[in-house]
N, C-alpha and C. Protein backbone atom coordinates (compact mmCIF):
# COMPACT_ATOMS: atom_id res chain seq x y z
N MET A 1 -7.37 -15.73 -54.74
CA MET A 1 -8.77 -16.09 -54.57
C MET A 1 -9.62 -14.85 -54.85
N LYS A 2 -10.65 -15.02 -55.64
CA LYS A 2 -11.53 -13.90 -55.98
C LYS A 2 -12.69 -13.83 -55.00
N VAL A 3 -12.92 -12.60 -54.49
CA VAL A 3 -14.03 -12.36 -53.57
C VAL A 3 -14.77 -11.09 -54.00
N ILE A 4 -16.03 -10.98 -53.53
CA ILE A 4 -16.84 -9.79 -53.78
C ILE A 4 -16.97 -9.05 -52.46
N LEU A 5 -16.61 -7.77 -52.45
CA LEU A 5 -16.68 -7.00 -51.21
C LEU A 5 -18.12 -6.60 -50.90
N LEU A 6 -18.50 -6.77 -49.64
CA LEU A 6 -19.84 -6.39 -49.18
C LEU A 6 -19.83 -5.03 -48.49
N GLU A 7 -18.65 -4.48 -48.23
CA GLU A 7 -18.53 -3.14 -47.66
C GLU A 7 -17.21 -2.54 -48.10
N ASN A 8 -17.09 -1.24 -47.92
CA ASN A 8 -15.84 -0.56 -48.28
C ASN A 8 -14.77 -0.97 -47.27
N VAL A 9 -13.63 -1.42 -47.78
CA VAL A 9 -12.52 -1.82 -46.92
C VAL A 9 -11.32 -0.97 -47.30
N ARG A 10 -10.77 -0.26 -46.32
CA ARG A 10 -9.64 0.65 -46.55
C ARG A 10 -8.48 -0.09 -47.22
N LYS A 11 -7.94 0.51 -48.26
CA LYS A 11 -6.79 0.01 -49.02
C LYS A 11 -7.04 -1.32 -49.72
N VAL A 12 -8.30 -1.77 -49.79
CA VAL A 12 -8.61 -3.03 -50.46
C VAL A 12 -9.57 -2.79 -51.62
N GLY A 13 -10.72 -2.15 -51.35
CA GLY A 13 -11.68 -1.90 -52.41
C GLY A 13 -13.01 -1.41 -51.87
N SER A 14 -13.98 -1.26 -52.78
CA SER A 14 -15.28 -0.73 -52.37
C SER A 14 -16.39 -1.76 -52.63
N ILE A 15 -17.58 -1.45 -52.17
CA ILE A 15 -18.74 -2.34 -52.23
C ILE A 15 -18.97 -2.87 -53.65
N GLY A 16 -19.21 -4.18 -53.74
CA GLY A 16 -19.56 -4.80 -55.01
C GLY A 16 -18.37 -5.10 -55.91
N GLU A 17 -17.20 -4.65 -55.53
CA GLU A 17 -16.01 -4.87 -56.34
C GLU A 17 -15.54 -6.32 -56.21
N ILE A 18 -15.13 -6.91 -57.33
CA ILE A 18 -14.58 -8.26 -57.31
C ILE A 18 -13.07 -8.10 -57.33
N ILE A 19 -12.43 -8.58 -56.26
CA ILE A 19 -10.98 -8.41 -56.14
C ILE A 19 -10.29 -9.75 -55.94
N ASP A 20 -9.01 -9.77 -56.22
CA ASP A 20 -8.20 -10.97 -56.04
C ASP A 20 -7.31 -10.75 -54.82
N VAL A 21 -7.50 -11.57 -53.79
CA VAL A 21 -6.70 -11.44 -52.56
C VAL A 21 -6.12 -12.81 -52.20
N LYS A 22 -5.18 -12.80 -51.28
CA LYS A 22 -4.59 -14.06 -50.84
C LYS A 22 -5.65 -14.86 -50.08
N ARG A 23 -5.58 -16.17 -50.22
CA ARG A 23 -6.56 -17.09 -49.66
C ARG A 23 -6.72 -16.88 -48.14
N GLY A 24 -5.63 -16.73 -47.41
CA GLY A 24 -5.69 -16.57 -45.95
C GLY A 24 -6.40 -15.28 -45.55
N PHE A 25 -6.09 -14.18 -46.26
CA PHE A 25 -6.73 -12.89 -45.98
C PHE A 25 -8.23 -12.99 -46.24
N ALA A 26 -8.60 -13.67 -47.33
CA ALA A 26 -10.02 -13.83 -47.66
C ALA A 26 -10.74 -14.64 -46.58
N ARG A 27 -10.19 -15.81 -46.26
CA ARG A 27 -10.87 -16.70 -45.30
C ARG A 27 -10.84 -16.16 -43.88
N ASN A 28 -9.67 -15.72 -43.42
CA ASN A 28 -9.51 -15.36 -42.02
C ASN A 28 -10.02 -13.98 -41.67
N TYR A 29 -10.11 -13.08 -42.65
CA TYR A 29 -10.55 -11.73 -42.32
C TYR A 29 -11.81 -11.34 -43.08
N LEU A 30 -11.72 -11.25 -44.40
CA LEU A 30 -12.84 -10.71 -45.17
C LEU A 30 -14.11 -11.54 -45.03
N ILE A 31 -14.01 -12.85 -45.21
CA ILE A 31 -15.21 -13.69 -45.17
C ILE A 31 -15.68 -13.91 -43.72
N SER A 32 -14.73 -14.12 -42.79
CA SER A 32 -15.13 -14.36 -41.40
C SER A 32 -15.76 -13.11 -40.77
N GLN A 33 -15.35 -11.92 -41.20
CA GLN A 33 -15.91 -10.67 -40.69
C GLN A 33 -17.13 -10.21 -41.49
N LYS A 34 -17.56 -11.04 -42.44
CA LYS A 34 -18.71 -10.76 -43.32
C LYS A 34 -18.51 -9.46 -44.12
N LYS A 35 -17.27 -9.25 -44.54
CA LYS A 35 -16.95 -8.10 -45.37
C LYS A 35 -16.89 -8.51 -46.85
N ALA A 36 -16.92 -9.82 -47.11
CA ALA A 36 -16.85 -10.30 -48.50
C ALA A 36 -17.47 -11.68 -48.62
N LEU A 37 -17.76 -12.07 -49.89
CA LEU A 37 -18.25 -13.41 -50.24
C LEU A 37 -17.34 -14.00 -51.31
N TYR A 38 -17.30 -15.33 -51.39
CA TYR A 38 -16.58 -15.96 -52.50
C TYR A 38 -17.21 -15.49 -53.81
N ALA A 39 -16.41 -15.31 -54.83
CA ALA A 39 -16.92 -14.78 -56.11
C ALA A 39 -17.44 -15.91 -57.01
N SER A 40 -18.54 -16.52 -56.59
CA SER A 40 -19.18 -17.53 -57.45
C SER A 40 -20.24 -16.82 -58.30
N LYS A 41 -20.72 -17.50 -59.35
CA LYS A 41 -21.72 -16.87 -60.23
C LYS A 41 -22.98 -16.47 -59.47
N GLU A 42 -23.42 -17.35 -58.55
CA GLU A 42 -24.63 -17.05 -57.77
C GLU A 42 -24.41 -15.83 -56.87
N ASN A 43 -23.24 -15.79 -56.20
CA ASN A 43 -22.95 -14.67 -55.30
C ASN A 43 -22.83 -13.35 -56.07
N ILE A 44 -22.26 -13.39 -57.27
CA ILE A 44 -22.13 -12.17 -58.07
C ILE A 44 -23.51 -11.61 -58.40
N LYS A 45 -24.45 -12.49 -58.80
CA LYS A 45 -25.82 -12.06 -59.11
C LYS A 45 -26.49 -11.50 -57.86
N GLU A 46 -26.32 -12.18 -56.73
CA GLU A 46 -26.94 -11.76 -55.47
C GLU A 46 -26.42 -10.38 -55.04
N VAL A 47 -25.12 -10.16 -55.15
CA VAL A 47 -24.54 -8.88 -54.75
C VAL A 47 -25.02 -7.76 -55.66
N GLU A 48 -25.17 -8.03 -56.95
CA GLU A 48 -25.70 -7.02 -57.87
C GLU A 48 -27.11 -6.59 -57.42
N ASN A 49 -27.90 -7.56 -56.96
CA ASN A 49 -29.27 -7.27 -56.53
C ASN A 49 -29.32 -6.45 -55.24
N ILE A 50 -28.36 -6.70 -54.34
CA ILE A 50 -28.43 -6.02 -53.04
C ILE A 50 -27.42 -4.88 -52.91
N LYS A 51 -26.83 -4.48 -54.01
CA LYS A 51 -25.79 -3.43 -53.99
C LYS A 51 -26.32 -2.11 -53.44
N ASN A 52 -27.53 -1.71 -53.84
CA ASN A 52 -28.11 -0.46 -53.34
C ASN A 52 -28.31 -0.51 -51.83
N GLU A 53 -28.79 -1.66 -51.36
CA GLU A 53 -29.01 -1.84 -49.92
C GLU A 53 -27.67 -1.74 -49.18
N LEU A 54 -26.63 -2.36 -49.73
CA LEU A 54 -25.31 -2.31 -49.11
C LEU A 54 -24.78 -0.88 -49.08
N ASN A 55 -25.01 -0.13 -50.15
CA ASN A 55 -24.57 1.26 -50.19
C ASN A 55 -25.27 2.10 -49.12
N LYS A 56 -26.59 1.84 -48.91
CA LYS A 56 -27.32 2.56 -47.86
C LYS A 56 -26.76 2.23 -46.49
N LYS A 57 -26.47 0.93 -46.24
CA LYS A 57 -25.90 0.54 -44.95
C LYS A 57 -24.55 1.22 -44.74
N ASP A 58 -23.75 1.27 -45.80
CA ASP A 58 -22.44 1.89 -45.70
C ASP A 58 -22.57 3.38 -45.41
N LEU A 59 -23.56 4.02 -46.04
CA LEU A 59 -23.79 5.44 -45.80
C LEU A 59 -24.21 5.69 -44.35
N ASP A 60 -25.05 4.79 -43.80
CA ASP A 60 -25.44 4.88 -42.39
C ASP A 60 -24.22 4.75 -41.48
N LYS A 61 -23.36 3.75 -41.78
CA LYS A 61 -22.14 3.56 -40.98
C LYS A 61 -21.26 4.80 -41.05
N LYS A 62 -21.17 5.37 -42.25
CA LYS A 62 -20.32 6.55 -42.44
C LYS A 62 -20.88 7.74 -41.64
N THR A 63 -22.21 7.88 -41.62
CA THR A 63 -22.85 8.96 -40.87
C THR A 63 -22.58 8.80 -39.37
N ARG A 64 -22.73 7.56 -38.87
CA ARG A 64 -22.45 7.29 -37.45
C ARG A 64 -20.98 7.58 -37.14
N ALA A 65 -20.10 7.16 -38.04
CA ALA A 65 -18.67 7.39 -37.85
C ALA A 65 -18.36 8.88 -37.83
N LYS A 66 -19.03 9.65 -38.68
CA LYS A 66 -18.83 11.10 -38.74
C LYS A 66 -19.27 11.74 -37.42
N ASP A 67 -20.43 11.30 -36.90
CA ASP A 67 -20.91 11.81 -35.61
C ASP A 67 -19.91 11.50 -34.49
N LEU A 68 -19.40 10.24 -34.48
CA LEU A 68 -18.40 9.85 -33.48
C LEU A 68 -17.14 10.69 -33.62
N SER A 69 -16.73 10.92 -34.85
CA SER A 69 -15.49 11.69 -35.06
C SER A 69 -15.65 13.11 -34.53
N ASP A 70 -16.85 13.70 -34.69
CA ASP A 70 -17.09 15.04 -34.16
C ASP A 70 -17.02 15.05 -32.63
N LEU A 71 -17.50 13.96 -32.00
CA LEU A 71 -17.47 13.88 -30.54
C LEU A 71 -16.05 13.64 -30.00
N LEU A 72 -15.28 12.80 -30.69
CA LEU A 72 -14.01 12.34 -30.15
C LEU A 72 -12.77 13.07 -30.67
N LYS A 73 -12.90 13.79 -31.77
CA LYS A 73 -11.73 14.38 -32.43
C LYS A 73 -10.89 15.21 -31.46
N ASN A 74 -9.59 14.91 -31.45
CA ASN A 74 -8.59 15.64 -30.65
C ASN A 74 -8.85 15.65 -29.14
N LYS A 75 -9.58 14.66 -28.66
CA LYS A 75 -9.81 14.55 -27.22
C LYS A 75 -8.58 13.94 -26.56
N GLU A 76 -8.48 14.15 -25.25
CA GLU A 76 -7.37 13.55 -24.50
C GLU A 76 -7.96 12.75 -23.34
N TYR A 77 -7.47 11.54 -23.18
CA TYR A 77 -7.94 10.65 -22.11
C TYR A 77 -6.76 10.32 -21.21
N GLU A 78 -7.02 10.24 -19.90
CA GLU A 78 -5.97 9.89 -18.95
C GLU A 78 -6.11 8.44 -18.53
N ILE A 79 -4.98 7.76 -18.48
CA ILE A 79 -4.95 6.38 -18.00
C ILE A 79 -3.91 6.32 -16.88
N LYS A 80 -4.30 5.77 -15.74
CA LYS A 80 -3.37 5.63 -14.62
C LYS A 80 -2.77 4.23 -14.66
N LYS A 81 -1.43 4.18 -14.64
CA LYS A 81 -0.73 2.89 -14.69
C LYS A 81 0.41 2.89 -13.67
N LEU A 82 0.72 1.71 -13.14
CA LEU A 82 1.88 1.57 -12.27
C LEU A 82 3.13 1.70 -13.11
N SER A 83 4.13 2.41 -12.57
CA SER A 83 5.36 2.61 -13.33
C SER A 83 6.58 2.49 -12.43
N THR A 84 7.73 2.32 -13.07
CA THR A 84 9.00 2.26 -12.34
C THR A 84 9.49 3.68 -12.09
N GLU A 85 10.64 3.81 -11.38
CA GLU A 85 11.20 5.13 -11.11
C GLU A 85 11.60 5.86 -12.39
N ASN A 86 12.05 5.10 -13.41
CA ASN A 86 12.48 5.75 -14.66
C ASN A 86 11.33 5.85 -15.68
N LYS A 87 10.12 5.94 -15.18
CA LYS A 87 8.91 6.21 -15.96
C LYS A 87 8.54 5.14 -16.98
N GLU A 88 9.05 3.93 -16.82
CA GLU A 88 8.64 2.81 -17.66
C GLU A 88 7.39 2.18 -17.04
N LEU A 89 6.50 1.66 -17.88
CA LEU A 89 5.29 1.01 -17.37
C LEU A 89 5.55 -0.47 -17.14
N TYR A 90 4.80 -1.05 -16.20
CA TYR A 90 4.77 -2.50 -16.06
C TYR A 90 3.75 -2.99 -17.10
N GLY A 91 4.22 -3.45 -18.23
CA GLY A 91 3.32 -3.81 -19.33
C GLY A 91 3.15 -2.62 -20.25
N SER A 92 2.05 -2.58 -20.99
CA SER A 92 1.81 -1.45 -21.90
C SER A 92 0.31 -1.17 -21.94
N VAL A 93 -0.04 -0.04 -22.55
CA VAL A 93 -1.45 0.33 -22.69
C VAL A 93 -1.95 -0.27 -24.00
N LYS A 94 -2.97 -1.09 -23.92
CA LYS A 94 -3.51 -1.80 -25.08
C LYS A 94 -4.79 -1.11 -25.59
N PRO A 95 -5.16 -1.37 -26.85
CA PRO A 95 -6.40 -0.80 -27.39
C PRO A 95 -7.65 -1.13 -26.56
N THR A 96 -7.68 -2.31 -25.91
CA THR A 96 -8.85 -2.66 -25.09
C THR A 96 -8.98 -1.71 -23.90
N GLU A 97 -7.85 -1.31 -23.30
CA GLU A 97 -7.89 -0.36 -22.18
C GLU A 97 -8.37 1.00 -22.66
N ILE A 98 -7.90 1.42 -23.82
CA ILE A 98 -8.30 2.71 -24.37
C ILE A 98 -9.81 2.70 -24.65
N SER A 99 -10.29 1.58 -25.19
CA SER A 99 -11.72 1.42 -25.47
C SER A 99 -12.54 1.53 -24.19
N LYS A 100 -12.07 0.90 -23.10
CA LYS A 100 -12.77 0.96 -21.81
C LYS A 100 -12.82 2.38 -21.27
N ILE A 101 -11.72 3.11 -21.39
CA ILE A 101 -11.67 4.50 -20.90
C ILE A 101 -12.68 5.36 -21.65
N ILE A 102 -12.74 5.20 -22.98
CA ILE A 102 -13.68 5.99 -23.78
C ILE A 102 -15.11 5.65 -23.38
N LYS A 103 -15.38 4.34 -23.13
CA LYS A 103 -16.72 3.92 -22.72
C LYS A 103 -17.09 4.53 -21.36
N GLU A 104 -16.14 4.51 -20.41
CA GLU A 104 -16.40 5.06 -19.08
C GLU A 104 -16.64 6.57 -19.12
N GLU A 105 -15.79 7.29 -19.85
CA GLU A 105 -15.88 8.75 -19.84
C GLU A 105 -16.98 9.30 -20.74
N ASP A 106 -17.14 8.75 -21.94
CA ASP A 106 -18.08 9.32 -22.92
C ASP A 106 -19.26 8.42 -23.26
N LYS A 107 -19.34 7.24 -22.65
CA LYS A 107 -20.44 6.29 -22.91
C LYS A 107 -20.53 5.93 -24.41
N ILE A 108 -19.37 5.81 -25.06
CA ILE A 108 -19.33 5.46 -26.48
C ILE A 108 -18.60 4.13 -26.63
N ASP A 109 -19.26 3.18 -27.30
CA ASP A 109 -18.65 1.88 -27.56
C ASP A 109 -17.74 1.97 -28.78
N ILE A 110 -16.46 1.72 -28.57
CA ILE A 110 -15.50 1.69 -29.67
C ILE A 110 -14.87 0.31 -29.68
N ASN A 111 -14.89 -0.34 -30.83
CA ASN A 111 -14.27 -1.65 -30.97
C ASN A 111 -12.75 -1.48 -30.87
N PRO A 112 -12.07 -2.26 -30.01
CA PRO A 112 -10.62 -2.12 -29.87
C PRO A 112 -9.85 -2.29 -31.20
N SER A 113 -10.41 -3.02 -32.15
CA SER A 113 -9.72 -3.21 -33.43
C SER A 113 -9.67 -1.91 -34.24
N MET A 114 -10.50 -0.92 -33.88
CA MET A 114 -10.48 0.38 -34.57
C MET A 114 -9.38 1.28 -34.05
N ILE A 115 -8.78 0.92 -32.92
CA ILE A 115 -7.81 1.78 -32.25
C ILE A 115 -6.39 1.32 -32.59
N GLN A 116 -5.58 2.27 -33.08
CA GLN A 116 -4.20 1.95 -33.43
C GLN A 116 -3.25 2.99 -32.84
N PRO A 117 -2.55 2.62 -31.76
CA PRO A 117 -1.54 3.56 -31.24
C PRO A 117 -0.47 3.80 -32.31
N VAL A 118 0.00 5.05 -32.43
CA VAL A 118 1.03 5.37 -33.42
C VAL A 118 2.31 4.60 -33.09
N LYS A 119 2.66 4.55 -31.80
CA LYS A 119 3.75 3.69 -31.34
C LYS A 119 3.31 3.06 -30.03
N GLU A 120 3.95 1.97 -29.66
CA GLU A 120 3.54 1.24 -28.47
C GLU A 120 3.67 2.11 -27.22
N ILE A 121 2.66 2.06 -26.37
CA ILE A 121 2.63 2.90 -25.17
C ILE A 121 3.21 2.10 -24.00
N LYS A 122 4.50 2.35 -23.70
CA LYS A 122 5.19 1.60 -22.66
C LYS A 122 5.79 2.48 -21.58
N SER A 123 5.50 3.79 -21.62
CA SER A 123 6.06 4.68 -20.61
C SER A 123 5.04 5.78 -20.27
N LEU A 124 5.35 6.56 -19.26
CA LEU A 124 4.48 7.68 -18.91
C LEU A 124 4.63 8.77 -19.96
N GLY A 125 3.58 9.56 -20.15
CA GLY A 125 3.64 10.64 -21.12
C GLY A 125 2.37 10.72 -21.94
N THR A 126 2.41 11.52 -23.01
CA THR A 126 1.26 11.72 -23.89
C THR A 126 1.56 11.07 -25.23
N PHE A 127 0.59 10.30 -25.73
CA PHE A 127 0.78 9.54 -26.97
C PHE A 127 -0.38 9.78 -27.92
N ASP A 128 -0.08 9.83 -29.22
CA ASP A 128 -1.12 9.95 -30.24
C ASP A 128 -1.65 8.58 -30.59
N VAL A 129 -2.95 8.51 -30.78
CA VAL A 129 -3.61 7.26 -31.16
C VAL A 129 -4.54 7.54 -32.33
N VAL A 130 -4.47 6.69 -33.36
CA VAL A 130 -5.33 6.84 -34.54
C VAL A 130 -6.52 5.90 -34.38
N MET A 131 -7.71 6.42 -34.69
CA MET A 131 -8.92 5.59 -34.65
C MET A 131 -9.52 5.53 -36.04
N ASN A 132 -9.70 4.30 -36.56
CA ASN A 132 -10.32 4.09 -37.86
C ASN A 132 -11.81 3.83 -37.63
N LEU A 133 -12.62 4.88 -37.74
CA LEU A 133 -14.05 4.75 -37.47
C LEU A 133 -14.80 4.21 -38.68
N HIS A 134 -14.26 4.43 -39.87
CA HIS A 134 -14.87 4.00 -41.13
C HIS A 134 -13.74 3.93 -42.14
N SER A 135 -13.95 3.27 -43.26
CA SER A 135 -12.88 3.19 -44.25
C SER A 135 -12.47 4.56 -44.76
N ASP A 136 -13.34 5.57 -44.63
CA ASP A 136 -13.03 6.93 -45.09
C ASP A 136 -12.76 7.91 -43.96
N ILE A 137 -13.00 7.49 -42.71
CA ILE A 137 -12.91 8.44 -41.59
C ILE A 137 -11.90 7.95 -40.54
N GLN A 138 -10.86 8.75 -40.35
CA GLN A 138 -9.86 8.49 -39.33
C GLN A 138 -9.75 9.72 -38.45
N ILE A 139 -9.59 9.51 -37.13
CA ILE A 139 -9.38 10.65 -36.24
C ILE A 139 -8.20 10.35 -35.32
N ASN A 140 -7.68 11.40 -34.70
CA ASN A 140 -6.60 11.26 -33.72
C ASN A 140 -7.13 11.64 -32.35
N ILE A 141 -6.73 10.85 -31.35
CA ILE A 141 -6.98 11.23 -29.96
C ILE A 141 -5.64 11.13 -29.24
N ARG A 142 -5.58 11.69 -28.03
CA ARG A 142 -4.35 11.60 -27.26
C ARG A 142 -4.62 10.81 -25.98
N ILE A 143 -3.66 9.99 -25.64
CA ILE A 143 -3.72 9.22 -24.40
C ILE A 143 -2.61 9.74 -23.50
N LYS A 144 -2.98 10.21 -22.33
CA LYS A 144 -1.99 10.70 -21.36
C LYS A 144 -1.85 9.64 -20.27
N VAL A 145 -0.68 9.06 -20.18
CA VAL A 145 -0.43 8.04 -19.18
C VAL A 145 0.20 8.70 -17.98
N ILE A 146 -0.49 8.60 -16.82
CA ILE A 146 0.03 9.21 -15.60
C ILE A 146 0.28 8.12 -14.57
N PRO A 147 1.17 8.39 -13.60
CA PRO A 147 1.48 7.35 -12.61
C PRO A 147 0.31 7.10 -11.65
N GLN A 148 0.10 5.83 -11.38
CA GLN A 148 -0.95 5.46 -10.43
C GLN A 148 -0.35 5.52 -9.04
N GLU A 149 -1.08 6.10 -8.12
CA GLU A 149 -0.57 6.23 -6.74
C GLU A 149 -0.60 4.85 -6.08
N GLU A 150 0.51 4.46 -5.50
CA GLU A 150 0.57 3.17 -4.82
C GLU A 150 0.10 3.35 -3.39
N ASN A 151 -0.67 2.37 -2.89
CA ASN A 151 -1.21 2.46 -1.53
C ASN A 151 -0.21 1.97 -0.52
């Protein structure tokens, strides 16, 4: 299925590019997230007209992402979780929890979909987490999982 990208998408393409992707990826992700339009003749003309505007929006997003990366780069956050005697967690640390911790400590809203743990966090210790702030900007933060004191 041919679509026109409305923003830069990592490993897919850049603004205004007409690409061929699988139908499910187009419908379920690109079009539903308003990252692309179906590549019809009318849409191609419309995107050509608004390409400069889209580039400005992308530049603004990139600037915001750069500011966030300067604030968050190489930071370490602590999360308290209940654990067993052999340091295994009951459950795991999810991107939504990491997002909440960042919001509480730094008052910065991060979408959980931008957060990707390098490996699943299922035990106590320090873990690297990659954050995709923009298609061109990635940063690393560390999550330190410590035992929660039981009452």
